[in-house]
Amino acid sequence: MRLFVVAAVIVVLVGCSGGSSTSEHKAEEKKAGEQKAYFKVDPATAGSIKGKVSFQGKAPAMQKIRMESEEDCMKLQKAAPTDPTVTVNGNGTLRNVFVYIKSGLEGKDFEPVKAPVKFDQRGCMFVPRVVGIQAAQTLEIVNSDSVQHNVHPMPRKNREWNQAQAPGAGPLEREFAQPEVGIPVKCNVHAWMRAYFHVMPHPYFDSTTDQGTFEIKNLPPGEYVVEAWHEKYPAQEQKITVAASGAATADFTFKGE
């Protein structure tokens, strides 16, 4: 009788375990089968916005970066390094301006780009100065220098983190969960190293380089607010209409002293 009771208990336990496992398995299969409905742009009607960011007035003098106390960093420089906060190009345009769609895409979910965004520590500077990335997209951080660096973003909405990276170490991978504009980034080892991360809910953004131009491609037709962001000067906005298969223009001008 005792053996019969033990056997019965075992059968019940196995049956319960098997039922739970099957239920969990089915739930996992259902979850795996549910795919988020991402918005798809029709290439036949997609348009674009392009433009340039000019600088008007007297550009502030680019201050020399004092690296004398860091001999290893000085060895990595080909010329005397200067602070790139305000970099005016030879053609009168402004570098490191982040231009993005601020509004007009509400209600649309865009699949994060699978390719990572590269962020380097080179010549004891962050490269690039301005980084655009989608929420949930991978940020790949490398250290190309022969000295140790440190990447310390200071967001308001996302989780703050602080990561050292030795020379020769493998790439670091990080993600940001929430859209957020203008996340300052510093290196706790070298005080002059600065950058800014911009986390977007969509892939429609660009940064000006040595020609001061930008282009935002593959936009669905619609009315948008485009913002130009710079770390020193107040941000600027424009309302832009993109027609089906159209190419709109948005030029901005930032003023110095």
C-alpha atoms as a PDB file:
ATOM      1  CA  MET A   1       0.000   0.000   0.000  1.00  0.00           C
ATOM      2  CA  ARG A   2       2.812   2.369   0.931  1.00  0.00           C
ATOM      3  CA  LEU A   3       4.559   1.678  -2.393  1.00  0.00           C
ATOM      4  CA  PHE A   4       1.304   2.310  -4.261  1.00  0.00           C
ATOM      5  CA  VAL A   5       0.869   5.728  -2.596  1.00  0.00           C
ATOM      6  CA  VAL A   6       4.471   6.752  -3.367  1.00  0.00           C
ATOM      7  CA  ALA A   7       4.052   5.674  -6.983  1.00  0.00           C
ATOM      8  CA  ALA A   8       0.806   7.612  -7.261  1.00  0.00           C
ATOM      9  CA  VAL A   9       2.470  10.761  -5.905  1.00  0.00           C
ATOM     10  CA  ILE A  10       5.314  10.426  -8.409  1.00  0.00           C
ATOM     11  CA  VAL A  11       2.834  10.060 -11.272  1.00  0.00           C
ATOM     12  CA  VAL A  12       0.980  13.201 -10.140  1.00  0.00           C
ATOM     13  CA  LEU A  13       4.209  15.204  -9.816  1.00  0.00           C
ATOM     14  CA  VAL A  14       5.470  14.120 -13.228  1.00  0.00           C
ATOM     15  CA  GLY A  15       2.111  14.918 -14.740  1.00  0.00           C
ATOM     16  CA  CYS A  16       2.086  18.402 -13.206  1.00  0.00           C
ATOM     17  CA  SER A  17       5.673  19.007 -14.262  1.00  0.00           C
ATOM     18  CA  GLY A  18       4.970  17.885 -17.804  1.00  0.00           C
ATOM     19  CA  GLY A  19       1.857  20.061 -18.049  1.00  0.00           C
ATOM     20  CA  SER A  20       3.697  23.134 -16.801  1.00  0.00           C
ATOM     21  CA  SER A  21       6.588  22.528 -19.191  1.00  0.00           C
ATOM     22  CA  THR A  22       4.248  22.156 -22.135  1.00  0.00           C
ATOM     23  CA  SER A  23       2.365  25.307 -21.173  1.00  0.00           C
ATOM     24  CA  GLU A  24       5.586  27.292 -20.846  1.00  0.00           C
ATOM     25  CA  HIS A  25       6.852  25.950 -24.141  1.00  0.00           C
ATOM     26  CA  LYS A  26       3.666  26.973 -25.921  1.00  0.00           C
ATOM     27  CA  ALA A  27       3.870  30.445 -24.371  1.00  0.00           C
ATOM     28  CA  GLU A  28       7.466  30.804 -25.571  1.00  0.00           C
ATOM     29  CA  GLU A  29       6.476  29.687 -29.066  1.00  0.00           C
ATOM     30  CA  LYS A  30       3.635  32.197 -29.111  1.00  0.00           C
ATOM     31  CA  LYS A  31       5.949  34.983 -27.972  1.00  0.00           C
ATOM     32  CA  ALA A  32       8.558  34.044 -30.576  1.00  0.00           C
ATOM     33  CA  GLY A  33       5.896  34.030 -33.259  1.00  0.00           C
ATOM     34  CA  GLU A  34       4.662  37.505 -32.388  1.00  0.00           C
ATOM     35  CA  GLN A  35       6.681  40.012 -34.383  1.00  0.00           C
ATOM     36  CA  LYS A  36       6.436  43.739 -33.849  1.00  0.00           C
ATOM     37  CA  ALA A  37       4.766  45.522 -36.740  1.00  0.00           C
ATOM     38  CA  TYR A  38       7.467  47.929 -37.894  1.00  0.00           C
ATOM     39  CA  PHE A  39       6.604  50.729 -40.297  1.00  0.00           C
ATOM     40  CA  LYS A  40       7.875  50.135 -43.835  1.00  0.00           C
ATOM     41  CA  VAL A  41       8.646  53.050 -46.126  1.00  0.00           C
ATOM     42  CA  ASP A  42       7.407  52.733 -49.694  1.00  0.00           C
ATOM     43  CA  PRO A  43      10.526  53.279 -51.835  1.00  0.00           C
ATOM     44  CA  ALA A  44       8.357  54.462 -54.726  1.00  0.00           C
ATOM     45  CA  THR A  45       7.203  57.540 -52.766  1.00  0.00           C
ATOM     46  CA  ALA A  46      10.113  58.110 -50.346  1.00  0.00           C
ATOM     47  CA  GLY A  47      11.645  61.572 -50.330  1.00  0.00           C
ATOM     48  CA  SER A  48      14.555  63.361 -48.686  1.00  0.00           C
ATOM     49  CA  ILE A  49      15.688  66.512 -46.916  1.00  0.00           C
ATOM     50  CA  LYS A  50      19.107  68.001 -47.515  1.00  0.00           C
ATOM     51  CA  GLY A  51      20.744  71.258 -46.621  1.00  0.00           C
ATOM     52  CA  LYS A  52      23.707  73.021 -45.061  1.00  0.00           C
ATOM     53  CA  VAL A  53      24.442  74.732 -41.782  1.00  0.00           C
ATOM     54  CA  SER A  54      26.177  78.093 -42.174  1.00  0.00           C
ATOM     55  CA  PHE A  55      28.018  80.135 -39.578  1.00  0.00           C
ATOM     56  CA  GLN A  56      27.616  83.909 -39.430  1.00  0.00           C
ATOM     57  CA  GLY A  57      29.733  86.344 -37.477  1.00  0.00           C
ATOM     58  CA  LYS A  58      33.072  86.011 -35.747  1.00  0.00           C
ATOM     59  CA  ALA A  59      34.013  82.463 -34.870  1.00  0.00           C
ATOM     60  CA  PRO A  60      35.426  82.038 -31.362  1.00  0.00           C
ATOM     61  CA  ALA A  61      39.112  81.225 -31.224  1.00  0.00           C
ATOM     62  CA  MET A  62      39.771  77.499 -30.969  1.00  0.00           C
ATOM     63  CA  GLN A  63      41.469  77.008 -27.638  1.00  0.00           C
ATOM     64  CA  LYS A  64      44.582  74.877 -27.379  1.00  0.00           C
ATOM     65  CA  ILE A  65      44.149  71.619 -25.509  1.00  0.00           C
ATOM     66  CA  ARG A  66      46.801  71.245 -22.818  1.00  0.00           C
ATOM     67  CA  MET A  67      48.084  67.684 -23.020  1.00  0.00           C
ATOM     68  CA  GLU A  68      51.565  68.321 -21.662  1.00  0.00           C
ATOM     69  CA  SER A  69      50.862  66.298 -18.534  1.00  0.00           C
ATOM     70  CA  GLU A  70      49.967  63.287 -20.704  1.00  0.00           C
ATOM     71  CA  GLU A  71      53.152  62.493 -22.613  1.00  0.00           C
ATOM     72  CA  ASP A  72      51.622  59.448 -24.303  1.00  0.00           C
ATOM     73  CA  CYS A  73      48.775  61.574 -25.652  1.00  0.00           C
ATOM     74  CA  MET A  74      51.169  64.245 -26.913  1.00  0.00           C
ATOM     75  CA  LYS A  75      53.056  61.595 -28.871  1.00  0.00           C
ATOM     76  CA  LEU A  76      49.861  60.739 -30.735  1.00  0.00           C
ATOM     77  CA  GLN A  77      49.401  64.281 -32.073  1.00  0.00           C
ATOM     78  CA  LYS A  78      50.625  65.380 -35.502  1.00  0.00           C
ATOM     79  CA  ALA A  79      49.757  69.014 -34.783  1.00  0.00           C
ATOM     80  CA  ALA A  80      48.881  71.090 -31.724  1.00  0.00           C
ATOM     81  CA  PRO A  81      45.407  69.889 -30.683  1.00  0.00           C
ATOM     82  CA  THR A  82      42.571  72.394 -30.300  1.00  0.00           C
ATOM     83  CA  ASP A  83      39.140  72.253 -28.679  1.00  0.00           C
ATOM     84  CA  PRO A  84      36.589  71.393 -31.431  1.00  0.00           C
ATOM     85  CA  THR A  85      33.529  72.804 -29.617  1.00  0.00           C
ATOM     86  CA  VAL A  86      32.975  75.359 -32.386  1.00  0.00           C
ATOM     87  CA  THR A  87      34.581  74.260 -35.637  1.00  0.00           C
ATOM     88  CA  VAL A  88      33.911  76.567 -38.579  1.00  0.00           C
ATOM     89  CA  ASN A  89      34.830  75.073 -41.940  1.00  0.00           C
ATOM     90  CA  GLY A  90      36.752  76.899 -44.641  1.00  0.00           C
ATOM     91  CA  ASN A  91      33.544  77.431 -46.623  1.00  0.00           C
ATOM     92  CA  GLY A  92      31.842  79.253 -43.736  1.00  0.00           C
ATOM     93  CA  THR A  93      29.770  76.301 -42.539  1.00  0.00           C
ATOM     94  CA  LEU A  94      29.561  74.758 -39.080  1.00  0.00           C
ATOM     95  CA  ARG A  95      30.765  71.266 -38.249  1.00  0.00           C
ATOM     96  CA  ASN A  96      29.309  68.832 -35.687  1.00  0.00           C
ATOM     97  CA  VAL A  97      25.693  69.972 -35.969  1.00  0.00           C
ATOM     98  CA  PHE A  98      23.209  67.156 -35.405  1.00  0.00           C
ATOM     99  CA  VAL A  99      20.154  67.452 -37.673  1.00  0.00           C
ATOM    100  CA  TYR A 100      17.151  65.206 -37.126  1.00  0.00           C
ATOM    101  CA  ILE A 101      13.402  64.814 -37.555  1.00  0.00           C
ATOM    102  CA  LYS A 102      11.962  66.140 -34.304  1.00  0.00           C
ATOM    103  CA  SER A 103       8.284  65.519 -35.088  1.00  0.00           C
ATOM    104  CA  GLY A 104       6.102  64.165 -37.871  1.00  0.00           C
ATOM    105  CA  LEU A 105       6.788  60.459 -37.403  1.00  0.00           C
ATOM    106  CA  GLU A 106       4.589  59.864 -34.356  1.00  0.00           C
ATOM    107  CA  GLY A 107       2.779  56.534 -34.320  1.00  0.00           C
ATOM    108  CA  LYS A 108       5.376  54.856 -36.506  1.00  0.00           C
ATOM    109  CA  ASP A 109       7.752  52.232 -35.097  1.00  0.00           C
ATOM    110  CA  PHE A 110      11.006  51.738 -36.983  1.00  0.00           C
ATOM    111  CA  GLU A 111      13.130  48.623 -36.755  1.00  0.00           C
ATOM    112  CA  PRO A 112      16.561  49.391 -35.247  1.00  0.00           C
ATOM    113  CA  VAL A 113      19.416  49.222 -37.746  1.00  0.00           C
ATOM    114  CA  LYS A 114      21.338  45.985 -37.282  1.00  0.00           C
ATOM    115  CA  ALA A 115      24.757  47.420 -38.146  1.00  0.00           C
ATOM    116  CA  PRO A 116      26.466  48.950 -35.082  1.00  0.00           C
ATOM    117  CA  VAL A 117      27.429  52.595 -34.749  1.00  0.00           C
ATOM    118  CA  LYS A 118      31.212  52.907 -34.358  1.00  0.00           C
ATOM    119  CA  PHE A 119      32.693  55.159 -31.657  1.00  0.00           C
ATOM    120  CA  ASP A 120      36.470  55.461 -31.384  1.00  0.00           C
ATOM    121  CA  GLN A 121      39.043  56.849 -28.950  1.00  0.00           C
ATOM    122  CA  ARG A 122      41.789  58.039 -31.243  1.00  0.00           C
ATOM    123  CA  GLY A 123      44.589  60.524 -30.657  1.00  0.00           C
ATOM    124  CA  CYS A 124      43.208  60.997 -27.125  1.00  0.00           C
ATOM    125  CA  MET A 125      39.987  62.371 -28.586  1.00  0.00           C
ATOM    126  CA  PHE A 126      36.506  60.925 -29.065  1.00  0.00           C
ATOM    127  CA  VAL A 127      35.728  60.280 -32.736  1.00  0.00           C
ATOM    128  CA  PRO A 128      33.228  61.356 -33.888  1.00  0.00           C
ATOM    129  CA  ARG A 129      32.347  64.328 -31.714  1.00  0.00           C
ATOM    130  CA  VAL A 130      28.629  63.901 -32.426  1.00  0.00           C
ATOM    131  CA  VAL A 131      27.021  60.452 -32.573  1.00  0.00           C
ATOM    132  CA  GLY A 132      23.513  59.617 -33.774  1.00  0.00           C
ATOM    133  CA  ILE A 133      22.098  56.213 -32.890  1.00  0.00           C
ATOM    134  CA  GLN A 134      18.692  54.543 -32.753  1.00  0.00           C
ATOM    135  CA  ALA A 135      17.261  53.266 -29.495  1.00  0.00           C
ATOM    136  CA  ALA A 136      18.184  49.551 -29.151  1.00  0.00           C
ATOM    137  CA  GLN A 137      20.880  49.853 -31.828  1.00  0.00           C
ATOM    138  CA  THR A 138      24.353  48.639 -30.856  1.00  0.00           C
ATOM    139  CA  LEU A 139      27.061  51.171 -30.049  1.00  0.00           C
ATOM    140  CA  GLU A 140      30.473  49.620 -30.709  1.00  0.00           C
ATOM    141  CA  ILE A 141      33.284  51.337 -28.793  1.00  0.00           C
ATOM    142  CA  VAL A 142      36.947  50.838 -29.622  1.00  0.00           C
ATOM    143  CA  ASN A 143      40.220  52.234 -28.269  1.00  0.00           C
ATOM    144  CA  SER A 144      42.701  52.853 -31.091  1.00  0.00           C
ATOM    145  CA  ASP A 145      45.253  54.475 -28.774  1.00  0.00           C
ATOM    146  CA  SER A 146      48.150  53.044 -26.807  1.00  0.00           C
ATOM    147  CA  VAL A 147      46.783  54.580 -23.589  1.00  0.00           C
ATOM    148  CA  GLN A 148      43.829  53.715 -21.385  1.00  0.00           C
ATOM    149  CA  HIS A 149      40.612  55.661 -21.868  1.00  0.00           C
ATOM    150  CA  ASN A 150      37.206  55.828 -20.271  1.00  0.00           C
ATOM    151  CA  VAL A 151      33.709  56.352 -21.740  1.00  0.00           C
ATOM    152  CA  HIS A 152      31.206  57.949 -19.370  1.00  0.00           C
ATOM    153  CA  PRO A 153      27.830  59.052 -20.846  1.00  0.00           C
ATOM    154  CA  MET A 154      25.678  61.155 -18.510  1.00  0.00           C
ATOM    155  CA  PRO A 155      22.074  60.788 -19.727  1.00  0.00           C
ATOM    156  CA  ARG A 156      18.900  62.098 -18.101  1.00  0.00           C
ATOM    157  CA  LYS A 157      16.473  59.428 -19.354  1.00  0.00           C
ATOM    158  CA  ASN A 158      18.716  56.434 -19.993  1.00  0.00           C
ATOM    159  CA  ARG A 159      20.870  54.473 -17.586  1.00  0.00           C
ATOM    160  CA  GLU A 160      24.213  56.088 -16.820  1.00  0.00           C
ATOM    161  CA  TRP A 161      27.311  53.927 -17.215  1.00  0.00           C
ATOM    162  CA  ASN A 162      31.047  54.381 -16.903  1.00  0.00           C
ATOM    163  CA  GLN A 163      33.429  52.013 -18.690  1.00  0.00           C
ATOM    164  CA  ALA A 164      37.229  51.968 -18.823  1.00  0.00           C
ATOM    165  CA  GLN A 165      38.907  50.532 -21.908  1.00  0.00           C
ATOM    166  CA  ALA A 166      42.558  49.506 -21.933  1.00  0.00           C
ATOM    167  CA  PRO A 167      44.740  49.762 -25.043  1.00  0.00           C
ATOM    168  CA  GLY A 168      44.387  46.667 -27.185  1.00  0.00           C
ATOM    169  CA  ALA A 169      41.146  45.627 -25.487  1.00  0.00           C
ATOM    170  CA  GLY A 170      38.317  44.277 -27.596  1.00  0.00           C
ATOM    171  CA  PRO A 171      35.315  46.397 -28.593  1.00  0.00           C
ATOM    172  CA  LEU A 172      32.694  47.300 -26.010  1.00  0.00           C
ATOM    173  CA  GLU A 173      29.015  47.054 -26.945  1.00  0.00           C
ATOM    174  CA  ARG A 174      26.280  49.142 -25.374  1.00  0.00           C
ATOM    175  CA  GLU A 175      22.673  50.145 -26.133  1.00  0.00           C
ATOM    176  CA  PHE A 176      20.337  52.963 -25.120  1.00  0.00           C
ATOM    177  CA  ALA A 177      16.717  52.114 -24.427  1.00  0.00           C
ATOM    178  CA  GLN A 178      15.073  55.562 -24.608  1.00  0.00           C
ATOM    179  CA  PRO A 179      15.239  58.374 -27.182  1.00  0.00           C
ATOM    180  CA  GLU A 180      17.265  61.278 -25.802  1.00  0.00           C
ATOM    181  CA  VAL A 181      18.952  64.265 -27.443  1.00  0.00           C
ATOM    182  CA  GLY A 182      22.287  65.686 -26.325  1.00  0.00           C
ATOM    183  CA  ILE A 183      23.761  63.118 -23.945  1.00  0.00           C
ATOM    184  CA  PRO A 184      27.148  64.502 -22.844  1.00  0.00           C
ATOM    185  CA  VAL A 185      30.019  62.009 -22.806  1.00  0.00           C
ATOM    186  CA  LYS A 186      33.303  62.459 -20.999  1.00  0.00           C
ATOM    187  CA  CYS A 187      36.497  60.531 -20.316  1.00  0.00           C
ATOM    188  CA  ASN A 188      37.331  60.397 -16.617  1.00  0.00           C
ATOM    189  CA  VAL A 189      41.005  59.914 -17.480  1.00  0.00           C
ATOM    190  CA  HIS A 190      41.441  62.847 -19.915  1.00  0.00           C
ATOM    191  CA  ALA A 191      39.305  65.866 -19.030  1.00  0.00           C
ATOM    192  CA  TRP A 192      39.385  67.412 -22.522  1.00  0.00           C
ATOM    193  CA  MET A 193      37.756  64.413 -24.188  1.00  0.00           C
ATOM    194  CA  ARG A 194      34.109  65.258 -24.905  1.00  0.00           C
ATOM    195  CA  ALA A 195      31.364  63.956 -27.200  1.00  0.00           C
ATOM    196  CA  TYR A 196      27.566  63.908 -27.478  1.00  0.00           C
ATOM    197  CA  PHE A 197      25.233  60.995 -28.104  1.00  0.00           C
ATOM    198  CA  HIS A 198      21.789  61.489 -29.667  1.00  0.00           C
ATOM    199  CA  VAL A 199      19.414  58.543 -29.301  1.00  0.00           C
ATOM    200  CA  MET A 200      16.584  58.544 -31.841  1.00  0.00           C
ATOM    201  CA  PRO A 201      13.333  56.540 -32.160  1.00  0.00           C
ATOM    202  CA  HIS A 202      13.869  56.447 -35.930  1.00  0.00           C
ATOM    203  CA  PRO A 203      16.728  56.412 -38.477  1.00  0.00           C
ATOM    204  CA  TYR A 204      16.207  59.967 -39.797  1.00  0.00           C
ATOM    205  CA  PHE A 205      19.205  62.031 -38.730  1.00  0.00           C
ATOM    206  CA  ASP A 206      22.631  63.182 -39.894  1.00  0.00           C
ATOM    207  CA  SER A 207      25.594  65.277 -38.711  1.00  0.00           C
ATOM    208  CA  THR A 208      27.479  67.995 -40.556  1.00  0.00           C
ATOM    209  CA  THR A 209      31.154  67.399 -41.323  1.00  0.00           C
ATOM    210  CA  ASP A 210      33.874  69.400 -43.106  1.00  0.00           C
ATOM    211  CA  GLN A 211      31.466  70.745 -45.742  1.00  0.00           C
ATOM    212  CA  GLY A 212      28.678  71.661 -43.338  1.00  0.00           C
ATOM    213  CA  THR A 213      26.070  69.686 -45.241  1.00  0.00           C
ATOM    214  CA  PHE A 214      23.565  67.004 -44.224  1.00  0.00           C
ATOM    215  CA  GLU A 215      21.057  64.698 -45.910  1.00  0.00           C
ATOM    216  CA  ILE A 216      18.162  62.695 -44.500  1.00  0.00           C
ATOM    217  CA  LYS A 217      17.043  60.016 -46.958  1.00  0.00           C
ATOM    218  CA  ASN A 218      14.181  57.555 -47.441  1.00  0.00           C
ATOM    219  CA  LEU A 219      11.557  59.688 -45.688  1.00  0.00           C
ATOM    220  CA  PRO A 220       7.867  58.930 -46.115  1.00  0.00           C
ATOM    221  CA  PRO A 221       5.947  61.925 -47.544  1.00  0.00           C
ATOM    222  CA  GLY A 222       4.636  64.247 -44.855  1.00  0.00           C
ATOM    223  CA  GLU A 223       5.055  67.391 -42.799  1.00  0.00           C
ATOM    224  CA  TYR A 224       7.973  67.485 -40.404  1.00  0.00           C
ATOM    225  CA  VAL A 225       9.755  69.624 -37.869  1.00  0.00           C
ATOM    226  CA  VAL A 226      13.506  69.431 -38.438  1.00  0.00           C
ATOM    227  CA  GLU A 227      15.854  70.454 -35.640  1.00  0.00           C
ATOM    228  CA  ALA A 228      19.511  71.452 -35.892  1.00  0.00           C
ATOM    229  CA  TRP A 229      21.335  70.888 -32.576  1.00  0.00           C
ATOM    230  CA  HIS A 230      24.755  72.238 -31.580  1.00  0.00           C
ATOM    231  CA  GLU A 231      26.494  71.821 -28.249  1.00  0.00           C
ATOM    232  CA  LYS A 232      27.146  75.571 -27.783  1.00  0.00           C
ATOM    233  CA  TYR A 233      24.355  77.413 -29.585  1.00  0.00           C
ATOM    234  CA  PRO A 234      20.557  77.246 -29.115  1.00  0.00           C
ATOM    235  CA  ALA A 235      18.847  74.636 -31.275  1.00  0.00           C
ATOM    236  CA  GLN A 236      16.927  75.757 -34.357  1.00  0.00           C
ATOM    237  CA  GLU A 237      13.781  74.341 -35.966  1.00  0.00           C
ATOM    238  CA  GLN A 238      12.117  74.447 -39.364  1.00  0.00           C
ATOM    239  CA  LYS A 239       8.808  73.106 -40.665  1.00  0.00           C
ATOM    240  CA  ILE A 240       9.391  71.142 -43.846  1.00  0.00           C
ATOM    241  CA  THR A 241       6.990  69.404 -46.211  1.00  0.00           C
ATOM    242  CA  VAL A 242       8.300  66.382 -48.090  1.00  0.00           C
ATOM    243  CA  ALA A 243       6.255  65.542 -51.176  1.00  0.00           C
ATOM    244  CA  ALA A 244       6.012  62.038 -52.588  1.00  0.00           C
ATOM    245  CA  SER A 245       9.399  61.272 -54.162  1.00  0.00           C
ATOM    246  CA  GLY A 246      10.336  64.874 -53.393  1.00  0.00           C
ATOM    247  CA  ALA A 247      13.621  66.458 -52.329  1.00  0.00           C
ATOM    248  CA  ALA A 248      13.110  69.230 -49.764  1.00  0.00           C
ATOM    249  CA  THR A 249      15.746  71.720 -48.571  1.00  0.00           C
ATOM    250  CA  ALA A 250      16.413  72.983 -45.053  1.00  0.00           C
ATOM    251  CA  ASP A 251      19.274  75.423 -44.501  1.00  0.00           C
ATOM    252  CA  PHE A 252      20.245  76.729 -41.062  1.00  0.00           C
ATOM    253  CA  THR A 253      22.460  79.599 -39.900  1.00  0.00           C
ATOM    254  CA  PHE A 254      24.108  79.792 -36.486  1.00  0.00           C
ATOM    255  CA  LYS A 255      25.472  83.142 -35.350  1.00  0.00           C
ATOM    256  CA  GLY A 256      28.641  83.859 -33.444  1.00  0.00           C
ATOM    257  CA  GLU A 257      29.613  87.113 -31.762  1.00  0.00           C
END
